[in-house]
Amino acid sequence: MALGAAPSRLVRLVLGQTLAVVMLGAGIGLLASLWVGRSLRSLLFAVEPTDPSALFAASVLLIVVAALSSTVPAYRIARVDPLRTLREE
C-alpha cells in the first residue's frame, strides 16, 4: 500500500485487479466451453452445448460472485493505517 493513497483508490485498485483476472478467466472459459461442447454434443440429451443464455448466465454469476467476494478484502485494505503497519514491522 502506498503512503497517502486514498481509501477509495485502494478499493478501486483491488476490485479492478480482481475483475480483470475474472474477466480473463471467463473469456478463456467461454472459449474452452465452446470447444469442449462440440466434442460432447453426442453425450448430451435435449441440451445444446453452446446455449448462449446458459453461457451468459454462468459468466455473469461468476463475475458477480467474484466482485462480491473481493469487496471485503478491498475494504479491509482501505481501513489499514500504513504508518501504524510500518511501525509494527
N, C-alpha and C. Protein backbone atom coordinates (compact mmCIF):
# COMPACT_ATOMS: atom_id res chain seq x y z
N MET A 1 0.84 -1.16 0.00
CA MET A 1 0.00 0.00 0.00
C MET A 1 0.89 1.24 0.00
N ALA A 2 0.50 2.21 -0.75
CA ALA A 2 1.28 3.43 -0.84
C ALA A 2 0.85 4.42 0.24
N LEU A 3 1.83 5.11 0.80
CA LEU A 3 1.52 6.15 1.77
C LEU A 3 0.79 7.28 1.06
N GLY A 4 -0.28 7.74 1.65
CA GLY A 4 -1.03 8.84 1.08
C GLY A 4 -2.08 8.43 0.06
N ALA A 5 -2.24 7.17 -0.19
CA ALA A 5 -3.26 6.71 -1.14
C ALA A 5 -4.63 6.83 -0.49
N ALA A 6 -5.58 7.32 -1.26
CA ALA A 6 -6.94 7.45 -0.74
C ALA A 6 -7.59 6.07 -0.63
N PRO A 7 -8.38 5.85 0.40
CA PRO A 7 -9.03 4.55 0.57
C PRO A 7 -9.89 4.15 -0.63
N SER A 8 -10.56 5.12 -1.23
CA SER A 8 -11.40 4.79 -2.39
C SER A 8 -10.54 4.31 -3.56
N ARG A 9 -9.36 4.86 -3.69
CA ARG A 9 -8.46 4.42 -4.76
C ARG A 9 -7.96 3.00 -4.51
N LEU A 10 -7.71 2.66 -3.26
CA LEU A 10 -7.28 1.30 -2.93
C LEU A 10 -8.38 0.29 -3.21
N VAL A 11 -9.63 0.65 -2.88
CA VAL A 11 -10.76 -0.23 -3.16
C VAL A 11 -10.89 -0.44 -4.66
N ARG A 12 -10.79 0.63 -5.43
CA ARG A 12 -10.87 0.52 -6.90
C ARG A 12 -9.74 -0.33 -7.45
N LEU A 13 -8.55 -0.20 -6.88
CA LEU A 13 -7.40 -0.98 -7.33
C LEU A 13 -7.63 -2.47 -7.11
N VAL A 14 -8.06 -2.83 -5.91
CA VAL A 14 -8.28 -4.24 -5.60
C VAL A 14 -9.40 -4.81 -6.46
N LEU A 15 -10.52 -4.10 -6.52
CA LEU A 15 -11.65 -4.58 -7.31
C LEU A 15 -11.30 -4.64 -8.80
N GLY A 16 -10.57 -3.67 -9.28
CA GLY A 16 -10.17 -3.66 -10.69
C GLY A 16 -9.26 -4.83 -11.05
N GLN A 17 -8.29 -5.10 -10.19
CA GLN A 17 -7.39 -6.22 -10.45
C GLN A 17 -8.13 -7.55 -10.37
N THR A 18 -9.02 -7.67 -9.41
CA THR A 18 -9.80 -8.91 -9.29
C THR A 18 -10.68 -9.12 -10.51
N LEU A 19 -11.39 -8.09 -10.91
CA LEU A 19 -12.29 -8.23 -12.06
C LEU A 19 -11.53 -8.43 -13.37
N ALA A 20 -10.34 -7.89 -13.48
CA ALA A 20 -9.55 -8.12 -14.68
C ALA A 20 -9.19 -9.60 -14.83
N VAL A 21 -8.77 -10.21 -13.71
CA VAL A 21 -8.44 -11.63 -13.74
C VAL A 21 -9.68 -12.47 -14.00
N VAL A 22 -10.80 -12.10 -13.38
CA VAL A 22 -12.04 -12.85 -13.56
C VAL A 22 -12.53 -12.74 -14.99
N MET A 23 -12.46 -11.57 -15.58
CA MET A 23 -12.90 -11.40 -16.97
C MET A 23 -12.02 -12.22 -17.92
N LEU A 24 -10.73 -12.24 -17.68
CA LEU A 24 -9.84 -13.05 -18.50
C LEU A 24 -10.20 -14.52 -18.35
N GLY A 25 -10.42 -14.96 -17.13
CA GLY A 25 -10.80 -16.35 -16.89
C GLY A 25 -12.14 -16.69 -17.50
N ALA A 26 -13.09 -15.77 -17.44
CA ALA A 26 -14.41 -16.02 -18.03
C ALA A 26 -14.30 -16.12 -19.55
N GLY A 27 -13.48 -15.28 -20.15
CA GLY A 27 -13.28 -15.36 -21.60
C GLY A 27 -12.65 -16.66 -22.03
N ILE A 28 -11.62 -17.06 -21.31
CA ILE A 28 -10.95 -18.33 -21.63
C ILE A 28 -11.91 -19.49 -21.38
N GLY A 29 -12.69 -19.41 -20.31
CA GLY A 29 -13.67 -20.45 -20.01
C GLY A 29 -14.75 -20.55 -21.06
N LEU A 30 -15.22 -19.42 -21.57
CA LEU A 30 -16.22 -19.45 -22.63
C LEU A 30 -15.67 -20.10 -23.90
N LEU A 31 -14.46 -19.74 -24.25
CA LEU A 31 -13.85 -20.34 -25.43
C LEU A 31 -13.65 -21.84 -25.25
N ALA A 32 -13.20 -22.23 -24.07
CA ALA A 32 -12.99 -23.66 -23.78
C ALA A 32 -14.31 -24.42 -23.78
N SER A 33 -15.36 -23.80 -23.24
CA SER A 33 -16.65 -24.49 -23.21
C SER A 33 -17.22 -24.66 -24.62
N LEU A 34 -16.99 -23.72 -25.49
CA LEU A 34 -17.44 -23.87 -26.88
C LEU A 34 -16.67 -24.98 -27.57
N TRP A 35 -15.38 -25.06 -27.31
CA TRP A 35 -14.55 -26.08 -27.94
C TRP A 35 -14.89 -27.47 -27.41
N VAL A 36 -15.00 -27.60 -26.09
CA VAL A 36 -15.31 -28.89 -25.48
C VAL A 36 -16.76 -29.29 -25.76
N GLY A 37 -17.65 -28.30 -25.82
CA GLY A 37 -19.06 -28.58 -26.08
C GLY A 37 -19.30 -29.27 -27.40
N ARG A 38 -18.53 -28.95 -28.38
CA ARG A 38 -18.68 -29.60 -29.69
C ARG A 38 -18.34 -31.09 -29.61
N SER A 39 -17.33 -31.42 -28.84
CA SER A 39 -16.95 -32.83 -28.74
C SER A 39 -17.89 -33.62 -27.83
N LEU A 40 -18.61 -32.94 -26.93
CA LEU A 40 -19.53 -33.62 -26.03
C LEU A 40 -20.98 -33.62 -26.55
N ARG A 41 -21.20 -33.09 -27.72
CA ARG A 41 -22.54 -32.96 -28.26
C ARG A 41 -23.28 -34.30 -28.29
N SER A 42 -22.59 -35.38 -28.62
CA SER A 42 -23.25 -36.69 -28.73
C SER A 42 -23.64 -37.25 -27.36
N LEU A 43 -23.03 -36.76 -26.27
CA LEU A 43 -23.34 -37.26 -24.95
C LEU A 43 -24.47 -36.48 -24.27
N LEU A 44 -24.85 -35.34 -24.81
CA LEU A 44 -25.87 -34.50 -24.19
C LEU A 44 -27.24 -34.84 -24.77
N PHE A 45 -28.25 -34.87 -23.91
CA PHE A 45 -29.61 -35.17 -24.33
C PHE A 45 -30.49 -33.96 -24.06
N ALA A 46 -31.12 -33.44 -25.09
CA ALA A 46 -32.06 -32.31 -25.01
C ALA A 46 -31.41 -31.03 -24.48
N VAL A 47 -30.11 -30.91 -24.62
CA VAL A 47 -29.39 -29.71 -24.19
C VAL A 47 -28.38 -29.36 -25.26
N GLU A 48 -28.34 -28.12 -25.62
CA GLU A 48 -27.33 -27.65 -26.58
C GLU A 48 -26.06 -27.26 -25.81
N PRO A 49 -24.91 -27.70 -26.25
CA PRO A 49 -23.67 -27.35 -25.53
C PRO A 49 -23.27 -25.89 -25.70
N THR A 50 -23.82 -25.22 -26.68
CA THR A 50 -23.48 -23.82 -26.93
C THR A 50 -24.68 -22.92 -26.69
N ASP A 51 -25.49 -23.22 -25.67
CA ASP A 51 -26.67 -22.42 -25.35
C ASP A 51 -26.21 -21.05 -24.85
N PRO A 52 -26.49 -20.00 -25.62
CA PRO A 52 -25.99 -18.67 -25.25
C PRO A 52 -26.51 -18.18 -23.90
N SER A 53 -27.78 -18.46 -23.58
CA SER A 53 -28.32 -17.97 -22.32
C SER A 53 -27.65 -18.65 -21.12
N ALA A 54 -27.36 -19.93 -21.23
CA ALA A 54 -26.69 -20.64 -20.14
C ALA A 54 -25.25 -20.16 -19.98
N LEU A 55 -24.55 -19.96 -21.08
CA LEU A 55 -23.18 -19.48 -21.01
C LEU A 55 -23.12 -18.06 -20.44
N PHE A 56 -24.07 -17.22 -20.87
CA PHE A 56 -24.13 -15.84 -20.37
C PHE A 56 -24.46 -15.83 -18.88
N ALA A 57 -25.43 -16.63 -18.47
CA ALA A 57 -25.81 -16.66 -17.05
C ALA A 57 -24.67 -17.16 -16.18
N ALA A 58 -23.95 -18.17 -16.62
CA ALA A 58 -22.83 -18.68 -15.85
C ALA A 58 -21.71 -17.64 -15.75
N SER A 59 -21.46 -16.94 -16.83
CA SER A 59 -20.41 -15.91 -16.82
C SER A 59 -20.78 -14.76 -15.90
N VAL A 60 -22.02 -14.31 -15.98
CA VAL A 60 -22.46 -13.21 -15.13
C VAL A 60 -22.43 -13.62 -13.67
N LEU A 61 -22.87 -14.83 -13.37
CA LEU A 61 -22.84 -15.31 -12.00
C LEU A 61 -21.41 -15.36 -11.46
N LEU A 62 -20.48 -15.84 -12.27
CA LEU A 62 -19.08 -15.88 -11.87
C LEU A 62 -18.53 -14.49 -11.58
N ILE A 63 -18.84 -13.54 -12.43
CA ILE A 63 -18.33 -12.18 -12.26
C ILE A 63 -18.94 -11.52 -11.02
N VAL A 64 -20.23 -11.71 -10.79
CA VAL A 64 -20.89 -11.12 -9.63
C VAL A 64 -20.34 -11.72 -8.33
N VAL A 65 -20.18 -13.02 -8.28
CA VAL A 65 -19.64 -13.67 -7.08
C VAL A 65 -18.21 -13.21 -6.81
N ALA A 66 -17.40 -13.09 -7.86
CA ALA A 66 -16.02 -12.62 -7.67
C ALA A 66 -16.00 -11.18 -7.17
N ALA A 67 -16.87 -10.33 -7.70
CA ALA A 67 -16.91 -8.94 -7.26
C ALA A 67 -17.35 -8.85 -5.80
N LEU A 68 -18.36 -9.63 -5.44
CA LEU A 68 -18.83 -9.60 -4.06
C LEU A 68 -17.79 -10.17 -3.09
N SER A 69 -17.10 -11.21 -3.51
CA SER A 69 -16.13 -11.82 -2.61
C SER A 69 -14.85 -11.00 -2.47
N SER A 70 -14.62 -10.08 -3.35
CA SER A 70 -13.42 -9.25 -3.23
C SER A 70 -13.69 -7.91 -2.56
N THR A 71 -14.95 -7.61 -2.26
CA THR A 71 -15.23 -6.33 -1.61
C THR A 71 -14.77 -6.31 -0.16
N VAL A 72 -14.92 -7.41 0.56
CA VAL A 72 -14.49 -7.43 1.97
C VAL A 72 -12.98 -7.22 2.08
N PRO A 73 -12.14 -7.95 1.34
CA PRO A 73 -10.70 -7.65 1.42
C PRO A 73 -10.35 -6.24 0.96
N ALA A 74 -11.08 -5.74 -0.02
CA ALA A 74 -10.79 -4.38 -0.51
C ALA A 74 -11.06 -3.35 0.57
N TYR A 75 -12.16 -3.49 1.28
CA TYR A 75 -12.46 -2.52 2.34
C TYR A 75 -11.56 -2.72 3.56
N ARG A 76 -11.10 -3.93 3.80
CA ARG A 76 -10.14 -4.14 4.89
C ARG A 76 -8.82 -3.45 4.58
N ILE A 77 -8.39 -3.54 3.34
CA ILE A 77 -7.16 -2.87 2.94
C ILE A 77 -7.30 -1.36 3.07
N ALA A 78 -8.47 -0.85 2.73
CA ALA A 78 -8.69 0.60 2.79
C ALA A 78 -8.67 1.12 4.22
N ARG A 79 -8.99 0.27 5.20
CA ARG A 79 -9.01 0.71 6.60
C ARG A 79 -7.66 0.63 7.29
N VAL A 80 -6.69 0.00 6.67
CA VAL A 80 -5.37 -0.17 7.30
C VAL A 80 -4.63 1.16 7.30
N ASP A 81 -4.04 1.48 8.44
CA ASP A 81 -3.21 2.69 8.55
C ASP A 81 -1.78 2.30 8.20
N PRO A 82 -1.24 2.80 7.08
CA PRO A 82 0.09 2.37 6.66
C PRO A 82 1.20 2.76 7.64
N LEU A 83 1.10 3.89 8.30
CA LEU A 83 2.13 4.29 9.25
C LEU A 83 2.16 3.35 10.46
N ARG A 84 1.00 2.97 10.92
CA ARG A 84 0.93 2.04 12.05
C ARG A 84 1.50 0.67 11.67
N THR A 85 1.21 0.23 10.46
CA THR A 85 1.73 -1.05 9.97
C THR A 85 3.24 -1.00 9.86
N LEU A 86 3.80 0.11 9.36
CA LEU A 86 5.25 0.23 9.25
C LEU A 86 5.93 0.25 10.61
N ARG A 87 5.29 0.88 11.59
CA ARG A 87 5.87 0.93 12.93
C ARG A 87 5.91 -0.46 13.56
N GLU A 88 4.90 -1.27 13.30
CA GLU A 88 4.82 -2.59 13.90
C GLU A 88 5.85 -3.54 13.31
N GLU A 89 6.23 -3.31 12.09
CA GLU A 89 7.21 -4.19 11.44
C GLU A 89 8.56 -3.61 11.63
